[in-house]
Amino acid sequence: MISRIPISEIPTDVEQCNNWVHELYRKKDETFEYFARHGTFEGNGLPRVEVPRNYYDLIIELSWITILGIPSVIYLLKFLYTSSIVAQIIFIFIIFIGNLNRFCFCF
């Protein structure tokens, strides 16, 4: 949900601003909880928005996968097949380091 808040509605006093932000997050949490329970935002005061399917996007995506993805996989397999064990270990280490942010749970 996106809403525009006029600058005139934002309090200038520190205490009022603190309360205003807490209220804003409370509304956000209520909206998220409703979505988590029902799987939709509809019925929580938000209208349902239908996005029309665009098959041109699918064609473009499949074209890029064909042009770039398939040769990339072929070159990767050739590299792994023809390289030394040290190069393969370095490659796996680089992939592991690159994917660390997917496994880190920062709070």
C-alpha atoms as a PDB file:
ATOM      1  CA  MET A   1       0.000   0.000   0.000  1.00  0.00           C
ATOM      2  CA  ILE A   2       1.348   3.375  -1.000  1.00  0.00           C
ATOM      3  CA  SER A   3      -0.057   6.571   0.369  1.00  0.00           C
ATOM      4  CA  ARG A   4       1.056  10.135  -0.009  1.00  0.00           C
ATOM      5  CA  ILE A   5       1.365  12.099   3.208  1.00  0.00           C
ATOM      6  CA  PRO A   6       1.399  15.889   2.892  1.00  0.00           C
ATOM      7  CA  ILE A   7       4.289  17.521   4.731  1.00  0.00           C
ATOM      8  CA  SER A   8       1.795  19.678   6.610  1.00  0.00           C
ATOM      9  CA  GLU A   9       0.395  16.559   8.338  1.00  0.00           C
ATOM     10  CA  ILE A  10       3.771  15.535   9.778  1.00  0.00           C
ATOM     11  CA  PRO A  11       4.156  16.879  13.325  1.00  0.00           C
ATOM     12  CA  THR A  12       7.144  19.060  14.125  1.00  0.00           C
ATOM     13  CA  ASP A  13       7.205  18.390  17.862  1.00  0.00           C
ATOM     14  CA  VAL A  14       9.441  15.454  18.802  1.00  0.00           C
ATOM     15  CA  GLU A  15       6.871  13.750  21.052  1.00  0.00           C
ATOM     16  CA  GLN A  16       4.026  14.193  18.556  1.00  0.00           C
ATOM     17  CA  CYS A  17       6.248  12.985  15.716  1.00  0.00           C
ATOM     18  CA  ASN A  18       7.183   9.933  17.784  1.00  0.00           C
ATOM     19  CA  ASN A  19       3.515   9.096  18.376  1.00  0.00           C
ATOM     20  CA  TRP A  20       2.683   9.737  14.718  1.00  0.00           C
ATOM     21  CA  VAL A  21       5.388   7.319  13.519  1.00  0.00           C
ATOM     22  CA  HIS A  22       4.261   4.665  16.022  1.00  0.00           C
ATOM     23  CA  GLU A  23       0.684   5.002  14.740  1.00  0.00           C
ATOM     24  CA  LEU A  24       1.917   4.720  11.156  1.00  0.00           C
ATOM     25  CA  TYR A  25       3.768   1.470  11.984  1.00  0.00           C
ATOM     26  CA  ARG A  26       0.735   0.152  13.872  1.00  0.00           C
ATOM     27  CA  LYS A  27      -1.398   0.621  10.738  1.00  0.00           C
ATOM     28  CA  LYS A  28       1.309  -1.059   8.651  1.00  0.00           C
ATOM     29  CA  ASP A  29       1.399  -4.030  11.026  1.00  0.00           C
ATOM     30  CA  GLU A  30      -2.399  -4.354  10.913  1.00  0.00           C
ATOM     31  CA  THR A  31      -2.310  -4.337   7.110  1.00  0.00           C
ATOM     32  CA  PHE A  32       0.427  -6.991   7.063  1.00  0.00           C
ATOM     33  CA  GLU A  33      -1.399  -9.209   9.571  1.00  0.00           C
ATOM     34  CA  TYR A  34      -4.578  -8.997   7.486  1.00  0.00           C
ATOM     35  CA  PHE A  35      -2.602  -9.983   4.375  1.00  0.00           C
ATOM     36  CA  ALA A  36      -0.885 -12.852   6.218  1.00  0.00           C
ATOM     37  CA  ARG A  37      -4.261 -14.250   7.371  1.00  0.00           C
ATOM     38  CA  HIS A  38      -6.246 -13.748   4.162  1.00  0.00           C
ATOM     39  CA  GLY A  39      -3.608 -13.714   1.409  1.00  0.00           C
ATOM     40  CA  THR A  40      -5.028 -10.499  -0.026  1.00  0.00           C
ATOM     41  CA  PHE A  41      -5.297  -6.823   0.778  1.00  0.00           C
ATOM     42  CA  GLU A  42      -8.859  -6.703  -0.530  1.00  0.00           C
ATOM     43  CA  GLY A  43     -11.404  -6.256   2.238  1.00  0.00           C
ATOM     44  CA  ASN A  44      -9.028  -4.242   4.392  1.00  0.00           C
ATOM     45  CA  GLY A  45     -10.186  -0.961   2.911  1.00  0.00           C
ATOM     46  CA  LEU A  46      -8.112  -1.399  -0.230  1.00  0.00           C
ATOM     47  CA  PRO A  47      -9.581  -2.059  -3.679  1.00  0.00           C
ATOM     48  CA  ARG A  48      -8.571  -5.040  -5.790  1.00  0.00           C
ATOM     49  CA  VAL A  49      -6.377  -4.034  -8.703  1.00  0.00           C
ATOM     50  CA  GLU A  50      -6.273  -6.281 -11.741  1.00  0.00           C
ATOM     51  CA  VAL A  51      -3.046  -6.213 -13.708  1.00  0.00           C
ATOM     52  CA  PRO A  52      -3.573  -7.290 -17.306  1.00  0.00           C
ATOM     53  CA  ARG A  53      -1.277  -9.989 -18.615  1.00  0.00           C
ATOM     54  CA  ASN A  54       1.332  -8.803 -21.046  1.00  0.00           C
ATOM     55  CA  TYR A  55       2.669 -11.613 -23.188  1.00  0.00           C
ATOM     56  CA  TYR A  56       5.273  -9.357 -24.779  1.00  0.00           C
ATOM     57  CA  ASP A  57       7.136  -9.314 -21.458  1.00  0.00           C
ATOM     58  CA  LEU A  58       7.206 -13.116 -21.467  1.00  0.00           C
ATOM     59  CA  ILE A  59       8.558 -13.180 -25.016  1.00  0.00           C
ATOM     60  CA  ILE A  60      11.267 -10.641 -24.136  1.00  0.00           C
ATOM     61  CA  GLU A  61      12.270 -12.601 -21.015  1.00  0.00           C
ATOM     62  CA  LEU A  62      12.471 -15.885 -22.907  1.00  0.00           C
ATOM     63  CA  SER A  63      14.524 -14.193 -25.625  1.00  0.00           C
ATOM     64  CA  TRP A  64      17.070 -12.895 -23.085  1.00  0.00           C
ATOM     65  CA  ILE A  65      17.257 -16.306 -21.434  1.00  0.00           C
ATOM     66  CA  THR A  66      17.953 -17.872 -24.816  1.00  0.00           C
ATOM     67  CA  ILE A  67      20.498 -15.235 -25.875  1.00  0.00           C
ATOM     68  CA  LEU A  68      22.393 -14.940 -22.576  1.00  0.00           C
ATOM     69  CA  GLY A  69      21.393 -17.791 -20.289  1.00  0.00           C
ATOM     70  CA  ILE A  70      22.058 -20.817 -22.432  1.00  0.00           C
ATOM     71  CA  PRO A  71      25.547 -19.739 -23.610  1.00  0.00           C
ATOM     72  CA  SER A  72      26.422 -18.750 -20.030  1.00  0.00           C
ATOM     73  CA  VAL A  73      25.528 -22.202 -18.745  1.00  0.00           C
ATOM     74  CA  ILE A  74      27.511 -23.823 -21.562  1.00  0.00           C
ATOM     75  CA  TYR A  75      30.604 -21.710 -20.759  1.00  0.00           C
ATOM     76  CA  LEU A  76      30.225 -22.456 -17.049  1.00  0.00           C
ATOM     77  CA  LEU A  77      30.069 -26.196 -17.671  1.00  0.00           C
ATOM     78  CA  LYS A  78      33.095 -25.989 -20.001  1.00  0.00           C
ATOM     79  CA  PHE A  79      35.005 -24.047 -17.334  1.00  0.00           C
ATOM     80  CA  LEU A  80      34.175 -26.561 -14.618  1.00  0.00           C
ATOM     81  CA  TYR A  81      35.031 -29.505 -16.895  1.00  0.00           C
ATOM     82  CA  THR A  82      38.364 -28.180 -18.180  1.00  0.00           C
ATOM     83  CA  SER A  83      39.703 -26.264 -15.160  1.00  0.00           C
ATOM     84  CA  SER A  84      41.956 -27.540 -12.411  1.00  0.00           C
ATOM     85  CA  ILE A  85      40.640 -28.576  -9.014  1.00  0.00           C
ATOM     86  CA  VAL A  86      42.107 -25.378  -7.490  1.00  0.00           C
ATOM     87  CA  ALA A  87      40.174 -23.191  -9.955  1.00  0.00           C
ATOM     88  CA  GLN A  88      36.999 -25.142  -9.216  1.00  0.00           C
ATOM     89  CA  ILE A  89      37.446 -24.701  -5.452  1.00  0.00           C
ATOM     90  CA  ILE A  90      38.054 -20.956  -5.920  1.00  0.00           C
ATOM     91  CA  PHE A  91      34.936 -20.747  -8.096  1.00  0.00           C
ATOM     92  CA  ILE A  92      32.806 -22.545  -5.491  1.00  0.00           C
ATOM     93  CA  PHE A  93      34.257 -20.301  -2.751  1.00  0.00           C
ATOM     94  CA  ILE A  94      33.375 -17.150  -4.733  1.00  0.00           C
ATOM     95  CA  ILE A  95      29.818 -18.414  -5.299  1.00  0.00           C
ATOM     96  CA  PHE A  96      29.510 -19.228  -1.586  1.00  0.00           C
ATOM     97  CA  ILE A  97      30.743 -15.772  -0.527  1.00  0.00           C
ATOM     98  CA  GLY A  98      28.434 -14.120  -3.057  1.00  0.00           C
ATOM     99  CA  ASN A  99      25.406 -15.918  -1.629  1.00  0.00           C
ATOM    100  CA  LEU A 100      26.159 -15.301   2.052  1.00  0.00           C
ATOM    101  CA  ASN A 101      23.672 -12.422   2.222  1.00  0.00           C
ATOM    102  CA  ARG A 102      20.853 -14.882   1.476  1.00  0.00           C
ATOM    103  CA  PHE A 103      21.688 -16.881   4.569  1.00  0.00           C
ATOM    104  CA  CYS A 104      22.424 -14.044   7.007  1.00  0.00           C
ATOM    105  CA  PHE A 105      19.533 -13.110   9.230  1.00  0.00           C
ATOM    106  CA  CYS A 106      20.245  -9.567  10.315  1.00  0.00           C
ATOM    107  CA  PHE A 107      17.881  -8.082  12.887  1.00  0.00           C
END
